[in-house]
Amino acid sequence: MALHCQSRDDDLGTVVLENEQEIEWSFSVNFLGSTLFYCDVRWGSLSSWHSFHAYDADRDSGRCRSECRWMISKEGSLYGYDQQFGKWVLFPLKMI
């Protein structure tokens, strides 16, 4: 799976992840509370790119109290861990 994440100010580049492999990075929310990181993901070289918001300050300030965790299933479903309620939640992936 290829993953490319960025914000308005930072481009984290593209990484290729194998099954069950993880990636980690850290950042601080800006003074205005408008931080947004988005990621594009693709499985294999022939598939289409899909996009999701990895961190949206409006949505994630409570859900991601100390870290944001994401998981993409073998079927291509995106789940984000909600620290506030202690459960995995299904999120939409948008085709680019």
Protein backbone atom coordinates (compact mmCIF):
# COMPACT_ATOMS: atom_id res chain seq x y z
CA MET A 1 0.00 0.00 0.00
CA ALA A 2 1.34 3.45 -0.91
CA LEU A 3 0.55 6.28 1.50
CA HIS A 4 1.17 10.00 0.96
CA CYS A 5 0.27 12.42 3.80
CA GLN A 6 0.58 16.17 4.03
CA SER A 7 -0.78 19.37 5.52
CA ARG A 8 -0.75 22.85 4.08
CA ASP A 9 2.72 23.37 5.55
CA ASP A 10 4.28 19.89 5.66
CA ASP A 11 4.57 17.17 3.03
CA LEU A 12 5.52 13.86 4.65
CA GLY A 13 6.24 12.19 1.31
CA THR A 14 5.11 8.83 0.01
CA VAL A 15 5.88 5.61 1.85
CA VAL A 16 5.12 2.02 0.88
CA LEU A 17 3.71 -0.12 3.69
CA GLU A 18 3.54 -3.90 3.76
CA ASN A 19 0.69 -5.83 5.44
CA GLU A 20 0.51 -5.06 9.20
CA GLN A 21 3.26 -2.45 8.94
CA GLU A 22 2.79 0.92 10.67
CA ILE A 23 3.93 4.49 10.16
CA GLU A 24 4.09 7.22 12.80
CA TRP A 25 4.65 10.96 12.84
CA SER A 26 4.00 13.79 15.28
CA PHE A 27 2.86 17.40 14.97
CA SER A 28 1.30 20.17 17.04
CA VAL A 29 -2.09 21.75 16.44
CA ASN A 30 -1.69 25.35 15.28
CA PHE A 31 -2.73 28.36 17.36
CA LEU A 32 -5.97 28.81 15.40
CA GLY A 33 -6.99 25.16 15.87
CA SER A 34 -7.31 24.67 12.13
CA THR A 35 -4.68 21.96 11.59
CA LEU A 36 -5.57 19.51 8.80
CA PHE A 37 -3.50 16.53 7.66
CA TYR A 38 -4.83 14.53 4.74
CA CYS A 39 -3.58 11.32 3.22
CA ASP A 40 -3.86 9.61 -0.15
CA VAL A 41 -3.67 5.82 -0.21
CA ARG A 42 -3.47 3.21 -2.96
CA TRP A 43 -3.24 -0.60 -2.94
CA GLY A 44 -0.95 -1.87 -5.67
CA SER A 45 0.21 0.04 -8.71
CA LEU A 46 -2.97 -0.54 -10.75
CA SER A 47 -5.58 0.67 -8.24
CA SER A 48 -7.00 4.18 -7.88
CA TRP A 49 -5.90 6.64 -5.21
CA HIS A 50 -8.26 7.25 -2.28
CA SER A 51 -8.13 10.14 0.20
CA PHE A 52 -9.01 10.74 3.86
CA HIS A 53 -8.43 13.39 6.51
CA ALA A 54 -5.90 11.90 8.93
CA TYR A 55 -6.30 14.81 11.34
CA ASP A 56 -8.92 17.53 11.27
CA ALA A 57 -8.76 19.73 14.40
CA ASP A 58 -12.53 20.34 14.41
CA ARG A 59 -13.34 16.62 14.25
CA ASP A 60 -10.41 15.08 16.12
CA SER A 61 -9.66 17.21 19.20
CA GLY A 62 -11.74 14.85 21.39
CA ARG A 63 -11.36 11.65 19.37
CA CYS A 64 -7.56 11.85 19.28
CA ARG A 65 -6.72 12.96 22.81
CA SER A 66 -3.09 11.77 22.75
CA GLU A 67 -2.77 10.11 19.33
CA CYS A 68 -4.76 9.43 16.17
CA ARG A 69 -4.79 5.79 15.13
CA TRP A 70 -5.95 4.59 11.72
CA MET A 71 -6.38 1.12 10.29
CA ILE A 72 -7.20 0.11 6.72
CA SER A 73 -8.65 -3.38 6.40
CA LYS A 74 -7.75 -5.89 3.69
CA GLU A 75 -11.11 -5.05 2.10
CA GLY A 76 -10.19 -1.35 1.90
CA SER A 77 -12.31 -0.02 4.78
CA LEU A 78 -10.88 2.82 6.88
CA TYR A 79 -11.24 2.75 10.68
CA GLY A 80 -10.17 5.42 13.15
CA TYR A 81 -9.79 4.78 16.87
CA ASP A 82 -11.91 7.04 19.09
CA GLN A 83 -10.04 7.51 22.39
CA GLN A 84 -12.99 9.38 23.88
CA PHE A 85 -15.34 6.36 23.55
CA GLY A 86 -12.75 3.56 23.33
CA LYS A 87 -13.85 2.05 20.01
CA TRP A 88 -12.96 1.81 16.30
CA VAL A 89 -15.22 3.85 14.00
CA LEU A 90 -15.71 3.42 10.24
CA PHE A 91 -14.71 6.49 8.18
CA PRO A 92 -15.24 7.12 4.47
CA LEU A 93 -12.45 6.87 1.91
CA LYS A 94 -12.95 9.20 -1.05
CA MET A 95 -11.78 8.18 -4.51
CA ILE A 96 -9.57 10.84 -6.10
